[in-house]
Amino acid sequence: MSEKEKEHKPQKKKEFPEKEKEKETEEKKSKEKENENEIEKETKREKKQQYPKKQLRQILECKEFLKKGLKLTEKNEHYQKGLELIDNLQYELALDQFAKAIESAPKNEIYHFVFGGILAKCGKLEASVESYTKSIKLNPQISEFYFSRALISSLLGKAETAVIDLSKAIELKPQNVEAWSLRGNIHLSQLGDLTSAGEDLLMALDLDPKHAEAWSDLGAVYYQQHMIEESLECFDKAISFGGNDPSNYLNKAKSLNHIGEFEEAMQCLEKGLCLDPSYSELWFEKGNCLLFKEEIEGAIECFDKAIEIEPRDYLYYAGRAGAYSSLKNFKLSIQDYSKAIELKPKEMSFLFERGVVYLSAKNPERAIEDFNVLLKFDPTDSHALNMRGCAYDMLNLFEKSLEDFQNAAKFDPENTLYYYNAGEVYLKTEKWDLAQEQFNLAKSFLTEEDHEFNFAKVVNAVYNLTIKKTEKAIELFTAIIKEEEEEGELVETYFFRGRAFEVLNNIEKAKIDFEKVLKLNPNFILAKERLLNLSNEKDEKNVKN
C-alpha cells in the first residue's frame, strides 16, 4: 500500500435521502409478506454475483500480502512449492503442499489463509470457511482474513454472516476498499437493502474513484430506484475503468431499454457479446430488446441462443414463451412456460402467464386450473380472480364469472377493468340496469392510459348501449372495429353492436354481426342463441303473413 493510501482516511458514510429509506422500508414489508405466502412474484432477472471469479483470483494472487507473510514465517519448502503451483494454476497439487506446510507449522495463520483460498478455488467452500476461521483464531487482527471468509460466506448464501465479517474487516482497516465494495454488493444483491448498499459503494468510490465493480453496483442501485440517468452515468464509469467486463455493457443496456433507447442498447449488447459470445444473459437481454422493437423472430433466436448456453435458466424459457405468445404460437408458448415452472415452481408469475395463454388458446378449463393454484396461495390476487372470471365467462358460467369480477373489484377497487367485465356479464344476461351501474363505475376509474387506447372507447360504447343511446353506441362500436387491427380482439364488440342493431330492430345487420362473432369464436353460445331467436322471430312473421 502506498503512503498516500495509508494517509487517506475515509469520510463519514454518505447517506442516501430519507425518501429512499422510506421506500426501502416499504419494500422490506412487501418482501416479508411474500415470504410468508411462500410466493416469489418477482419476474426481474436475479442479479448475478460479479465478485466471485475476480475476488477468488485476488485472494490467490495477493503477492504483496503473501510476501509479507513470508517474513513472518519460516522458509518452508512446502509453502514455497505451493506458491509456485498456484502460479501455474495447479490448485489440487498446491493443496497437498499447503496441507504439509500446515502439518509442519499448525499455528501459522498465513498457511491456513492461503489454504482457504485454494480450497475455495477448488470449489470446497465449507472447508475454505473452516480454514479462514483457523487463520482468524490464530491472528484476529488481519482485515484480509475476515474479508476472505466473508466472500465465501456470501457464495454460500450466508449474507448476514458475511456482512458481520466485512464490518470487522473495515473496522480493522478502514481503507479496505474491497470490503466496502463487497459489503455494498451483498446489501444490493442478497439483502435488498438499497440504502446501505449505496452508502457502502459511495465509500468504496471515495477510496478508489476508479473501482469498476463499485460503479457497476452503484448503477444497479440507482436502476432499482428508477434513477435511470444516474445509473447510466455509473455504468459509463464502470465501462471506462473496467471495459473488458461484458457485464458492464449488459447493465447499461438494461437501463437504456428501460427508457426506450433500444438502438443504443443494442450497440451495448453487441459490444458485450464481442467480449464474451458465451455470456447467456447478454443474449437474453438482446432478445428482450428485440421484443421491445417488435422484432419477434429475432428475439426468439436470441432466447434460443441463451437457452443453448444455459439450459437451466427459467427466465430464458419465460422470455421465449412471451415471444411465442406474441406470434400466437400458443402451443410452444405453453410448452416454454411449463418448462419455466418446472425449473422455478414457486415463481407464481409464470403460472399466471401460462393461464393467460391457455385463455388465448381457447382452453378455459386449463386456464382455470392455473388460476386456482394461484388463488390457493393468495385468495386476494385480483388479477388471478379477474382472469379466472374471464375463463368462466368463456364457458358461459356467468354466476361464477360475476363472483370473480366482483371479488377482484373488492380487493382492487379502482381497477376499471373489473367493473367493465362485471358489466359485460350483466349485459349478456339481460340485466341492463345492473350493467349500467357497473359501466358507470368503470367510467369513473378510467386512467390516462385507458384513454390512449381503445379501452375507454369500449367502456363508453357499452355504457351508451345500457342508457338506451343506441345509435351513439353503434357509432362508437363501429369506430372501434375500424381502428382495431387484431380482428380476434373484436368478438364482444361485434356481439354488442349486434345487440344494439337488435334494439333498433335492424335484424339483418344484427345477424351479420352475430355471424361474424361465430366466425371468430364458434363457441360463443350467446351469439348462437341470438341468431336462433332472430330466425325464429322471422319464421313467426312469415307464418303470420
Protein backbone atom coordinates (compact mmCIF):
# COMPACT_ATOMS: atom_id res chain seq x y z
CA MET A 1 0.00 0.00 0.00
CA SER A 2 1.33 3.47 -0.90
CA GLU A 3 1.92 6.17 1.69
CA LYS A 4 -0.89 8.17 0.12
CA GLU A 5 -3.33 5.27 0.69
CA LYS A 6 -2.24 4.93 4.32
CA GLU A 7 -2.92 8.60 4.97
CA HIS A 8 -6.29 8.53 3.25
CA LYS A 9 -8.95 8.32 5.96
CA PRO A 10 -12.50 7.72 4.80
CA GLN A 11 -15.02 10.44 5.36
CA LYS A 12 -18.25 9.95 7.27
CA LYS A 13 -20.50 7.47 5.49
CA LYS A 14 -22.55 9.23 2.83
CA GLU A 15 -26.27 8.84 3.40
CA PHE A 16 -28.94 8.37 0.81
CA PRO A 17 -32.02 10.62 1.12
CA GLU A 18 -34.64 9.75 3.74
CA LYS A 19 -37.14 9.33 0.92
CA GLU A 20 -35.15 6.34 -0.32
CA LYS A 21 -35.03 4.88 3.20
CA GLU A 22 -38.84 5.10 3.36
CA LYS A 23 -39.02 3.29 0.03
CA GLU A 24 -36.73 0.60 1.41
CA THR A 25 -38.98 0.13 4.46
CA GLU A 26 -41.98 -0.39 2.20
CA GLU A 27 -40.03 -2.80 0.02
CA LYS A 28 -38.91 -4.83 3.05
CA LYS A 29 -42.51 -5.10 4.30
CA SER A 30 -43.60 -6.25 0.87
CA LYS A 31 -40.84 -8.87 0.77
CA GLU A 32 -41.79 -10.15 4.23
CA LYS A 33 -45.37 -10.64 3.06
CA GLU A 34 -44.20 -12.57 0.02
CA ASN A 35 -42.05 -14.83 2.20
CA GLU A 36 -44.99 -15.55 4.47
CA ASN A 37 -47.02 -16.71 1.49
CA GLU A 38 -44.03 -18.62 0.09
CA ILE A 39 -44.60 -16.85 -3.21
CA GLU A 40 -41.86 -15.43 -5.34
CA LYS A 41 -43.61 -12.93 -7.58
CA GLU A 42 -40.60 -11.12 -8.98
CA THR A 43 -40.06 -11.60 -12.71
CA LYS A 44 -37.00 -9.47 -12.84
CA ARG A 45 -33.68 -11.03 -13.51
CA GLU A 46 -31.85 -12.10 -10.33
CA LYS A 47 -28.59 -10.13 -10.29
CA LYS A 48 -25.61 -12.39 -10.81
CA GLN A 49 -22.66 -12.06 -8.41
CA GLN A 50 -19.90 -10.25 -10.24
CA TYR A 51 -17.36 -10.75 -7.49
CA PRO A 52 -16.51 -14.43 -7.04
CA LYS A 53 -14.34 -15.08 -10.09
CA LYS A 54 -12.30 -11.92 -9.73
CA GLN A 55 -12.09 -11.88 -5.95
CA LEU A 56 -11.04 -15.53 -5.63
CA ARG A 57 -8.25 -14.79 -8.03
CA GLN A 58 -7.28 -11.76 -5.94
CA ILE A 59 -7.04 -13.90 -2.81
CA LEU A 60 -4.70 -16.32 -4.52
CA GLU A 61 -2.65 -13.69 -6.31
CA CYS A 62 -2.26 -11.26 -3.42
CA LYS A 63 1.53 -11.44 -3.80
CA GLU A 64 2.24 -8.36 -1.75
CA PHE A 65 0.38 -9.82 1.21
CA LEU A 66 1.93 -13.26 0.78
CA LYS A 67 5.42 -11.76 0.72
CA LYS A 68 4.66 -10.03 3.99
CA GLY A 69 3.58 -13.41 5.28
CA LEU A 70 6.88 -14.94 4.27
CA LYS A 71 8.69 -12.54 6.60
CA LEU A 72 6.56 -13.76 9.47
CA THR A 73 7.16 -17.43 8.80
CA GLU A 74 10.00 -19.85 8.48
CA LYS A 75 11.21 -20.57 4.96
CA ASN A 76 9.09 -23.67 4.44
CA GLU A 77 9.74 -25.65 1.26
CA HIS A 78 6.11 -26.82 1.04
CA TYR A 79 4.93 -23.22 1.30
CA GLN A 80 7.30 -22.17 -1.50
CA LYS A 81 6.29 -25.09 -3.74
CA GLY A 82 2.63 -24.34 -3.05
CA LEU A 83 3.06 -20.75 -4.23
CA GLU A 84 4.75 -21.94 -7.42
CA LEU A 85 1.88 -24.35 -8.10
CA ILE A 86 -0.63 -21.52 -7.58
CA ASP A 87 1.31 -19.51 -10.17
CA ASN A 88 0.91 -22.44 -12.58
CA LEU A 89 -2.82 -22.80 -11.75
CA GLN A 90 -2.23 -26.30 -10.34
CA TYR A 91 -4.54 -25.87 -7.37
CA GLU A 92 -5.12 -29.51 -6.41
CA LEU A 93 -1.33 -30.07 -6.17
CA ALA A 94 -1.00 -26.81 -4.25
CA LEU A 95 -3.49 -28.14 -1.69
CA ASP A 96 -1.14 -31.04 -0.98
CA GLN A 97 1.81 -28.77 -0.42
CA PHE A 98 -0.05 -26.41 1.91
CA ALA A 99 -1.53 -29.33 3.86
CA LYS A 100 2.06 -30.45 4.50
CA ALA A 101 3.10 -26.89 5.38
CA ILE A 102 0.27 -26.69 7.94
CA GLU A 103 1.24 -30.09 9.34
CA SER A 104 4.75 -28.77 9.94
CA ALA A 105 3.57 -25.44 11.41
CA PRO A 106 -0.07 -25.74 12.54
CA LYS A 107 -0.10 -22.32 14.24
CA ASN A 108 0.94 -20.38 11.14
CA GLU A 109 -2.08 -18.23 10.23
CA ILE A 110 -0.72 -17.44 6.75
CA TYR A 111 -0.67 -21.13 5.79
CA HIS A 112 -4.32 -21.52 6.83
CA PHE A 113 -5.24 -18.33 4.98
CA VAL A 114 -3.69 -19.38 1.66
CA PHE A 115 -5.01 -22.94 2.13
CA GLY A 116 -8.53 -21.45 2.48
CA GLY A 117 -8.11 -19.59 -0.81
CA ILE A 118 -7.00 -22.71 -2.67
CA LEU A 119 -9.89 -24.71 -1.22
CA ALA A 120 -12.29 -22.02 -2.47
CA LYS A 121 -10.71 -22.12 -5.90
CA CYS A 122 -11.27 -25.91 -5.96
CA GLY A 123 -14.95 -25.41 -5.07
CA LYS A 124 -14.61 -26.68 -1.47
CA LEU A 125 -16.34 -23.68 0.08
CA GLU A 126 -17.31 -25.07 3.50
CA ALA A 127 -13.75 -26.31 4.05
CA SER A 128 -12.50 -22.91 2.89
CA VAL A 129 -14.53 -21.16 5.61
CA GLU A 130 -13.09 -23.52 8.23
CA SER A 131 -9.56 -22.74 7.09
CA TYR A 132 -10.17 -18.97 7.23
CA THR A 133 -11.69 -19.37 10.68
CA LYS A 134 -8.48 -21.05 11.86
CA SER A 135 -6.38 -18.20 10.49
CA ILE A 136 -8.64 -15.68 12.31
CA LYS A 137 -8.35 -17.56 15.60
CA LEU A 138 -4.58 -17.54 15.26
CA ASN A 139 -4.46 -13.84 14.42
CA PRO A 140 -7.74 -11.90 14.77
CA GLN A 141 -6.20 -8.57 13.72
CA ILE A 142 -5.83 -9.15 9.96
CA SER A 143 -8.53 -7.44 7.86
CA GLU A 144 -7.93 -9.71 4.82
CA PHE A 145 -8.81 -12.82 6.82
CA TYR A 146 -12.31 -11.50 7.60
CA PHE A 147 -12.77 -10.24 4.06
CA SER A 148 -11.91 -13.64 2.57
CA ARG A 149 -14.20 -15.54 4.91
CA ALA A 150 -16.98 -13.05 4.16
CA LEU A 151 -16.58 -13.63 0.42
CA ILE A 152 -17.01 -17.39 0.77
CA SER A 153 -19.93 -16.95 3.18
CA SER A 154 -21.66 -14.78 0.59
CA LEU A 155 -21.17 -17.50 -2.02
CA LEU A 156 -22.79 -19.96 0.39
CA GLY A 157 -25.79 -17.65 0.73
CA LYS A 158 -24.91 -16.58 4.27
CA ALA A 159 -25.28 -12.87 3.58
CA GLU A 160 -25.72 -11.61 7.14
CA THR A 161 -22.71 -13.61 8.36
CA ALA A 162 -20.68 -12.11 5.50
CA VAL A 163 -21.75 -8.58 6.44
CA ILE A 164 -20.57 -9.11 10.04
CA ASP A 165 -17.15 -10.25 8.80
CA LEU A 166 -16.87 -7.35 6.36
CA SER A 167 -17.75 -4.88 9.09
CA LYS A 168 -14.90 -6.31 11.15
CA ALA A 169 -12.57 -6.12 8.14
CA ILE A 170 -13.48 -2.43 7.74
CA GLU A 171 -13.03 -1.78 11.45
CA LEU A 172 -9.52 -3.22 11.32
CA LYS A 173 -8.65 -1.48 8.05
CA PRO A 174 -10.96 1.43 7.12
CA GLN A 175 -9.16 1.83 3.78
CA ASN A 176 -10.09 -1.70 2.68
CA VAL A 177 -11.90 -0.64 -0.48
CA GLU A 178 -12.73 -4.23 -1.47
CA ALA A 179 -14.51 -4.78 1.85
CA TRP A 180 -16.66 -1.66 1.35
CA SER A 181 -17.42 -2.71 -2.22
CA LEU A 182 -18.27 -6.32 -1.39
CA ARG A 183 -20.48 -5.31 1.54
CA GLY A 184 -22.32 -2.93 -0.80
CA ASN A 185 -22.73 -5.76 -3.31
CA ILE A 186 -24.20 -8.07 -0.66
CA HIS A 187 -26.61 -5.39 0.58
CA LEU A 188 -27.70 -4.90 -3.02
CA SER A 189 -27.89 -8.40 -4.45
CA GLN A 190 -28.64 -10.59 -1.43
CA LEU A 191 -30.27 -8.44 1.26
CA GLY A 192 -32.14 -5.98 -0.96
CA ASP A 193 -31.07 -3.05 1.22
CA LEU A 194 -30.51 -0.36 -1.40
CA THR A 195 -29.80 2.42 1.08
CA SER A 196 -26.98 0.56 2.87
CA ALA A 197 -25.68 -0.67 -0.49
CA GLY A 198 -25.50 2.87 -1.84
CA GLU A 199 -23.70 4.17 1.25
CA ASP A 200 -21.09 1.41 1.16
CA LEU A 201 -20.47 1.76 -2.56
CA LEU A 202 -20.04 5.54 -2.25
CA MET A 203 -17.44 4.89 0.45
CA ALA A 204 -15.62 2.43 -1.82
CA LEU A 205 -15.57 5.02 -4.60
CA ASP A 206 -14.39 7.70 -2.20
CA LEU A 207 -11.39 5.46 -1.52
CA ASP A 208 -10.92 4.38 -5.13
CA PRO A 209 -12.73 6.52 -7.76
CA LYS A 210 -11.70 4.04 -10.47
CA HIS A 211 -13.23 0.95 -8.88
CA ALA A 212 -15.22 -0.53 -11.79
CA GLU A 213 -17.24 -3.06 -9.76
CA ALA A 214 -18.35 -0.40 -7.28
CA TRP A 215 -19.50 1.86 -10.13
CA SER A 216 -21.38 -1.05 -11.68
CA ASP A 217 -23.13 -1.95 -8.44
CA LEU A 218 -23.96 1.68 -7.68
CA GLY A 219 -25.51 1.85 -11.14
CA ALA A 220 -27.64 -1.17 -10.22
CA VAL A 221 -28.74 0.59 -7.02
CA TYR A 222 -29.85 3.65 -8.98
CA TYR A 223 -31.53 1.44 -11.59
CA GLN A 224 -33.65 -0.26 -8.91
CA GLN A 225 -34.54 3.18 -7.51
CA HIS A 226 -35.71 4.18 -11.04
CA MET A 227 -32.96 6.82 -11.24
CA ILE A 228 -32.07 5.83 -14.79
CA GLU A 229 -29.91 8.79 -15.79
CA GLU A 230 -27.77 8.33 -12.68
CA SER A 231 -27.49 4.61 -13.34
CA LEU A 232 -26.28 5.27 -16.89
CA GLU A 233 -23.57 7.61 -15.61
CA CYS A 234 -22.37 4.87 -13.24
CA PHE A 235 -22.34 2.20 -15.94
CA ASP A 236 -20.36 4.52 -18.23
CA LYS A 237 -17.76 4.88 -15.44
CA ALA A 238 -17.72 1.11 -14.95
CA ILE A 239 -17.07 0.64 -18.68
CA SER A 240 -14.38 3.32 -18.61
CA PHE A 241 -12.50 1.69 -15.72
CA GLY A 242 -13.27 -1.96 -16.50
CA GLY A 243 -14.04 -2.02 -20.21
CA ASN A 244 -13.26 -5.71 -20.66
CA ASP A 245 -16.09 -6.78 -18.36
CA PRO A 246 -19.15 -7.58 -20.54
CA SER A 247 -21.50 -7.29 -17.55
CA ASN A 248 -21.00 -3.50 -17.63
CA TYR A 249 -22.40 -3.36 -21.17
CA LEU A 250 -25.25 -5.63 -20.09
CA ASN A 251 -26.20 -3.35 -17.18
CA LYS A 252 -26.06 -0.23 -19.33
CA ALA A 253 -28.25 -1.92 -21.95
CA LYS A 254 -30.88 -2.70 -19.30
CA SER A 255 -31.07 0.97 -18.31
CA LEU A 256 -31.28 2.05 -21.96
CA ASN A 257 -34.07 -0.47 -22.62
CA HIS A 258 -35.92 0.97 -19.62
CA ILE A 259 -36.07 4.43 -21.22
CA GLY A 260 -36.78 3.16 -24.73
CA GLU A 261 -33.31 3.77 -26.20
CA PHE A 262 -33.33 0.42 -27.96
CA GLU A 263 -30.80 1.16 -30.69
CA GLU A 264 -28.16 2.31 -28.22
CA ALA A 265 -28.99 -0.67 -26.00
CA MET A 266 -28.40 -3.00 -28.96
CA GLN A 267 -25.00 -1.40 -29.54
CA CYS A 268 -24.04 -2.07 -25.90
CA LEU A 269 -25.18 -5.67 -26.13
CA GLU A 270 -23.19 -6.24 -29.33
CA LYS A 271 -20.06 -4.86 -27.64
CA GLY A 272 -20.64 -7.17 -24.68
CA LEU A 273 -21.09 -10.18 -26.98
CA CYS A 274 -17.87 -9.32 -28.81
CA LEU A 275 -16.09 -9.59 -25.46
CA ASP A 276 -17.87 -12.82 -24.48
CA PRO A 277 -20.12 -14.58 -27.03
CA SER A 278 -20.95 -17.25 -24.43
CA TYR A 279 -22.48 -14.78 -21.94
CA SER A 280 -26.05 -16.09 -21.91
CA GLU A 281 -27.58 -13.10 -20.16
CA LEU A 282 -26.40 -10.80 -22.94
CA TRP A 283 -28.31 -12.94 -25.44
CA PHE A 284 -31.35 -12.87 -23.14
CA GLU A 285 -31.29 -9.07 -22.85
CA LYS A 286 -30.79 -8.76 -26.61
CA GLY A 287 -33.92 -10.89 -27.01
CA ASN A 288 -35.81 -8.54 -24.67
CA CYS A 289 -34.56 -5.55 -26.65
CA LEU A 290 -35.79 -7.06 -29.91
CA LEU A 291 -39.15 -7.80 -28.27
CA PHE A 292 -39.44 -4.11 -27.38
CA LYS A 293 -38.71 -3.33 -31.03
CA GLU A 294 -41.38 -5.89 -32.06
CA GLU A 295 -38.80 -7.98 -33.93
CA ILE A 296 -40.23 -11.20 -32.56
CA GLU A 297 -38.46 -13.75 -34.75
CA GLY A 298 -35.08 -12.19 -33.95
CA ALA A 299 -35.95 -12.19 -30.25
CA ILE A 300 -36.72 -15.93 -30.37
CA GLU A 301 -33.34 -16.61 -31.98
CA CYS A 302 -31.62 -14.76 -29.13
CA PHE A 303 -33.61 -16.66 -26.49
CA ASP A 304 -32.69 -19.89 -28.30
CA LYS A 305 -29.03 -18.96 -28.00
CA ALA A 306 -29.33 -18.09 -24.31
CA ILE A 307 -31.04 -21.43 -23.62
CA GLU A 308 -28.41 -23.30 -25.62
CA ILE A 309 -25.67 -21.78 -23.42
CA GLU A 310 -27.53 -22.09 -20.12
CA PRO A 311 -30.43 -24.56 -20.42
CA ARG A 312 -31.35 -24.46 -16.71
CA ASP A 313 -32.24 -20.77 -16.55
CA TYR A 314 -36.01 -20.47 -16.09
CA LEU A 315 -36.16 -16.82 -17.19
CA TYR A 316 -34.89 -17.65 -20.65
CA TYR A 317 -37.80 -20.05 -21.23
CA ALA A 318 -40.26 -17.47 -19.90
CA GLY A 319 -38.84 -14.83 -22.27
CA ARG A 320 -39.20 -17.13 -25.25
CA ALA A 321 -42.69 -18.13 -24.12
CA GLY A 322 -43.75 -14.48 -24.23
CA ALA A 323 -42.31 -14.14 -27.73
CA TYR A 324 -44.16 -17.24 -28.97
CA SER A 325 -47.37 -15.87 -27.45
CA SER A 326 -46.91 -12.63 -29.43
CA LEU A 327 -46.79 -14.77 -32.60
CA LYS A 328 -49.93 -16.60 -31.40
CA ASN A 329 -47.96 -19.83 -31.30
CA PHE A 330 -49.75 -20.82 -28.12
CA LYS A 331 -48.61 -24.43 -28.12
CA LEU A 332 -44.90 -23.53 -27.95
CA SER A 333 -45.63 -20.68 -25.53
CA ILE A 334 -47.37 -23.05 -23.09
CA GLN A 335 -44.52 -25.54 -23.53
CA ASP A 336 -41.91 -22.93 -22.53
CA TYR A 337 -43.93 -21.57 -19.59
CA SER A 338 -44.32 -25.15 -18.37
CA LYS A 339 -40.53 -25.60 -18.53
CA ALA A 340 -40.01 -22.35 -16.63
CA ILE A 341 -42.46 -23.56 -13.96
CA GLU A 342 -40.64 -26.90 -13.75
CA LEU A 343 -37.34 -25.07 -13.14
CA LYS A 344 -38.82 -22.49 -10.74
CA PRO A 345 -42.00 -23.96 -9.20
CA LYS A 346 -42.53 -21.13 -6.72
CA GLU A 347 -42.49 -18.38 -9.35
CA MET A 348 -46.20 -17.63 -9.47
CA SER A 349 -45.96 -15.12 -12.34
CA PHE A 350 -45.19 -17.93 -14.82
CA LEU A 351 -48.31 -19.81 -13.73
CA PHE A 352 -50.36 -16.65 -14.29
CA GLU A 353 -48.90 -16.07 -17.75
CA ARG A 354 -49.50 -19.68 -18.75
CA GLY A 355 -53.11 -19.34 -17.65
CA VAL A 356 -53.49 -16.25 -19.84
CA VAL A 357 -52.04 -18.14 -22.82
CA TYR A 358 -54.46 -21.03 -22.20
CA LEU A 359 -57.27 -18.46 -22.40
CA SER A 360 -55.89 -17.07 -25.66
CA ALA A 361 -55.72 -20.64 -26.98
CA LYS A 362 -59.43 -21.04 -26.16
CA ASN A 363 -58.71 -23.57 -23.42
CA PRO A 364 -60.51 -22.03 -20.41
CA GLU A 365 -60.59 -25.28 -18.42
CA ARG A 366 -56.79 -25.47 -18.22
CA ALA A 367 -56.62 -21.73 -17.55
CA ILE A 368 -58.92 -22.19 -14.55
CA GLU A 369 -56.63 -24.90 -13.19
CA ASP A 370 -53.66 -22.49 -13.22
CA PHE A 371 -55.62 -19.61 -11.67
CA ASN A 372 -56.98 -21.95 -8.98
CA VAL A 373 -53.40 -22.76 -7.92
CA LEU A 374 -52.58 -19.05 -7.74
CA LEU A 375 -55.67 -18.29 -5.70
CA LYS A 376 -54.93 -21.14 -3.31
CA PHE A 377 -51.70 -19.33 -2.41
CA ASP A 378 -53.25 -15.85 -2.40
CA PRO A 379 -57.07 -15.62 -2.41
CA THR A 380 -56.81 -11.81 -2.69
CA ASP A 381 -54.92 -11.85 -6.01
CA SER A 382 -57.25 -9.58 -8.01
CA HIS A 383 -55.51 -10.27 -11.33
CA ALA A 384 -55.93 -14.03 -10.97
CA LEU A 385 -59.57 -13.57 -9.90
CA ASN A 386 -60.25 -11.40 -12.95
CA MET A 387 -58.62 -13.85 -15.38
CA ARG A 388 -60.45 -16.83 -13.84
CA GLY A 389 -63.65 -14.79 -14.22
CA CYS A 390 -62.84 -14.40 -17.93
CA ALA A 391 -62.34 -18.17 -18.20
CA TYR A 392 -65.72 -18.84 -16.53
CA ASP A 393 -67.28 -16.25 -18.86
CA MET A 394 -65.84 -18.11 -21.86
CA LEU A 395 -67.57 -21.25 -20.55
CA ASN A 396 -70.83 -19.27 -20.08
CA LEU A 397 -70.67 -19.89 -16.33
CA PHE A 398 -71.88 -16.35 -15.68
CA GLU A 399 -72.63 -16.63 -11.95
CA LYS A 400 -69.09 -17.81 -11.26
CA SER A 401 -67.53 -15.22 -13.55
CA LEU A 402 -69.54 -12.42 -11.95
CA GLU A 403 -68.48 -13.55 -8.46
CA ASP A 404 -64.81 -13.44 -9.51
CA PHE A 405 -65.08 -10.00 -11.12
CA GLN A 406 -66.83 -8.60 -8.03
CA ASN A 407 -64.20 -10.09 -5.71
CA ALA A 408 -61.42 -8.69 -7.90
CA ALA A 409 -63.01 -5.23 -7.58
CA LYS A 410 -63.30 -5.72 -3.83
CA PHE A 411 -59.53 -6.27 -3.49
CA ASP A 412 -58.60 -3.60 -6.07
CA PRO A 413 -61.50 -1.12 -6.08
CA GLU A 414 -60.00 1.38 -8.53
CA ASN A 415 -59.38 -1.02 -11.40
CA THR A 416 -61.68 -0.09 -14.29
CA LEU A 417 -61.39 -3.47 -15.98
CA TYR A 418 -63.10 -5.42 -13.18
CA TYR A 419 -66.25 -3.24 -13.27
CA TYR A 420 -66.29 -3.39 -17.06
CA ASN A 421 -66.09 -7.20 -17.06
CA ALA A 422 -68.88 -7.43 -14.47
CA GLY A 423 -70.96 -5.04 -16.59
CA GLU A 424 -70.47 -7.24 -19.65
CA VAL A 425 -71.79 -10.27 -17.75
CA TYR A 426 -74.90 -8.33 -16.68
CA LEU A 427 -75.39 -7.14 -20.26
CA LYS A 428 -75.07 -10.68 -21.64
CA THR A 429 -77.65 -11.90 -19.11
CA GLU A 430 -80.08 -9.06 -19.97
CA LYS A 431 -79.68 -7.24 -16.62
CA TRP A 432 -79.32 -3.85 -18.23
CA ASP A 433 -79.78 -1.69 -15.11
CA LEU A 434 -77.05 -3.57 -13.23
CA ALA A 435 -74.84 -3.40 -16.31
CA GLN A 436 -75.33 0.37 -16.46
CA GLU A 437 -74.27 0.66 -12.82
CA GLN A 438 -71.04 -1.30 -13.45
CA PHE A 439 -70.16 0.61 -16.63
CA ASN A 440 -70.74 3.87 -14.80
CA LEU A 441 -68.21 2.74 -12.15
CA ALA A 442 -65.81 1.70 -14.89
CA LYS A 443 -66.06 5.18 -16.45
CA SER A 444 -65.27 6.84 -13.12
CA PHE A 445 -61.95 4.98 -12.81
CA LEU A 446 -60.67 5.35 -16.38
CA THR A 447 -56.98 6.31 -16.46
CA GLU A 448 -54.97 8.37 -18.93
CA GLU A 449 -53.56 5.12 -20.29
CA ASP A 450 -57.09 3.80 -20.86
CA HIS A 451 -57.88 6.91 -22.92
CA GLU A 452 -54.76 6.40 -25.04
CA PHE A 453 -56.05 3.02 -26.19
CA ASN A 454 -59.44 1.66 -27.31
CA PHE A 455 -60.50 0.56 -23.83
CA ALA A 456 -62.04 3.92 -22.85
CA LYS A 457 -63.98 3.92 -26.13
CA VAL A 458 -65.25 0.39 -25.45
CA VAL A 459 -66.43 1.42 -21.97
CA ASN A 460 -68.21 4.47 -23.38
CA ALA A 461 -69.81 2.40 -26.14
CA VAL A 462 -71.33 -0.23 -23.85
CA TYR A 463 -72.36 2.48 -21.38
CA ASN A 464 -74.30 4.26 -24.14
CA LEU A 465 -75.94 0.96 -25.03
CA THR A 466 -77.18 0.48 -21.43
CA ILE A 467 -78.62 4.01 -21.21
CA LYS A 468 -80.53 3.46 -24.48
CA LYS A 469 -78.38 5.81 -26.57
CA THR A 470 -78.29 3.03 -29.10
CA GLU A 471 -77.30 4.94 -32.24
CA LYS A 472 -74.40 6.57 -30.38
CA ALA A 473 -73.33 3.14 -29.13
CA ILE A 474 -73.37 1.74 -32.70
CA GLU A 475 -71.29 4.70 -33.89
CA LEU A 476 -68.69 4.05 -31.15
CA PHE A 477 -68.61 0.28 -31.75
CA THR A 478 -68.11 0.86 -35.49
CA ALA A 479 -65.21 3.27 -34.82
CA ILE A 480 -63.55 0.69 -32.56
CA ILE A 481 -63.92 -2.04 -35.20
CA LYS A 482 -62.29 0.19 -37.84
CA GLU A 483 -59.34 1.06 -35.57
CA GLU A 484 -58.60 -2.42 -34.18
CA GLU A 485 -56.09 -4.32 -36.32
CA GLU A 486 -56.47 -7.65 -34.50
CA GLU A 487 -59.91 -8.90 -35.53
CA GLY A 488 -59.75 -11.63 -32.90
CA GLU A 489 -59.97 -8.93 -30.22
CA LEU A 490 -63.36 -7.75 -31.53
CA VAL A 491 -65.58 -10.73 -30.71
CA GLU A 492 -67.55 -8.99 -27.95
CA THR A 493 -67.55 -5.65 -29.80
CA TYR A 494 -69.37 -7.31 -32.73
CA PHE A 495 -71.70 -9.06 -30.29
CA PHE A 496 -72.72 -5.86 -28.51
CA ARG A 497 -73.10 -3.94 -31.78
CA GLY A 498 -75.34 -6.78 -32.91
CA ARG A 499 -77.42 -6.33 -29.73
CA ALA A 500 -77.63 -2.60 -30.48
CA PHE A 501 -78.88 -3.32 -34.01
CA GLU A 502 -81.47 -5.65 -32.42
CA VAL A 503 -82.71 -2.83 -30.20
CA LEU A 504 -83.19 -0.69 -33.33
CA ASN A 505 -84.93 -3.66 -34.99
CA ASN A 506 -82.27 -3.75 -37.71
CA ILE A 507 -82.40 -7.54 -37.86
CA GLU A 508 -80.23 -8.08 -40.94
CA LYS A 509 -77.31 -6.06 -39.58
CA ALA A 510 -77.70 -7.76 -36.19
CA LYS A 511 -77.49 -11.19 -37.86
CA ILE A 512 -74.37 -10.16 -39.80
CA ASP A 513 -72.65 -9.16 -36.53
CA PHE A 514 -73.64 -12.35 -34.71
CA GLU A 515 -72.43 -14.44 -37.65
CA LYS A 516 -69.14 -12.53 -37.50
CA VAL A 517 -68.87 -13.37 -33.80
CA LEU A 518 -69.32 -17.08 -34.50
CA LYS A 519 -66.78 -16.97 -37.30
CA LEU A 520 -64.22 -15.57 -34.84
CA ASN A 521 -65.35 -17.78 -31.95
CA PRO A 522 -67.60 -20.74 -32.85
CA ASN A 523 -68.19 -21.47 -29.14
CA PHE A 524 -69.81 -18.09 -28.36
CA ILE A 525 -73.13 -19.56 -27.21
CA LEU A 526 -74.94 -16.23 -26.67
CA ALA A 527 -74.35 -15.29 -30.32
CA LYS A 528 -75.80 -18.66 -31.37
CA GLU A 529 -78.86 -18.03 -29.18
CA ARG A 530 -79.37 -14.52 -30.59
CA LEU A 531 -79.18 -15.83 -34.16
CA LEU A 532 -81.63 -18.60 -33.34
CA ASN A 533 -84.05 -16.12 -31.75
CA LEU A 534 -83.85 -13.82 -34.75
CA SER A 535 -84.50 -16.72 -37.14
CA ASN A 536 -87.49 -17.90 -35.07
CA GLU A 537 -88.93 -14.37 -34.99
CA LYS A 538 -88.53 -14.12 -38.76
CA ASP A 539 -90.29 -17.51 -39.23
CA GLU A 540 -93.16 -16.43 -36.98
CA LYS A 541 -93.62 -13.24 -39.02
CA ASN A 542 -93.66 -15.27 -42.27
CA VAL A 543 -96.32 -17.62 -40.83
CA LYS A 544 -98.50 -14.67 -39.81
CA ASN A 545 -98.14 -13.12 -43.25
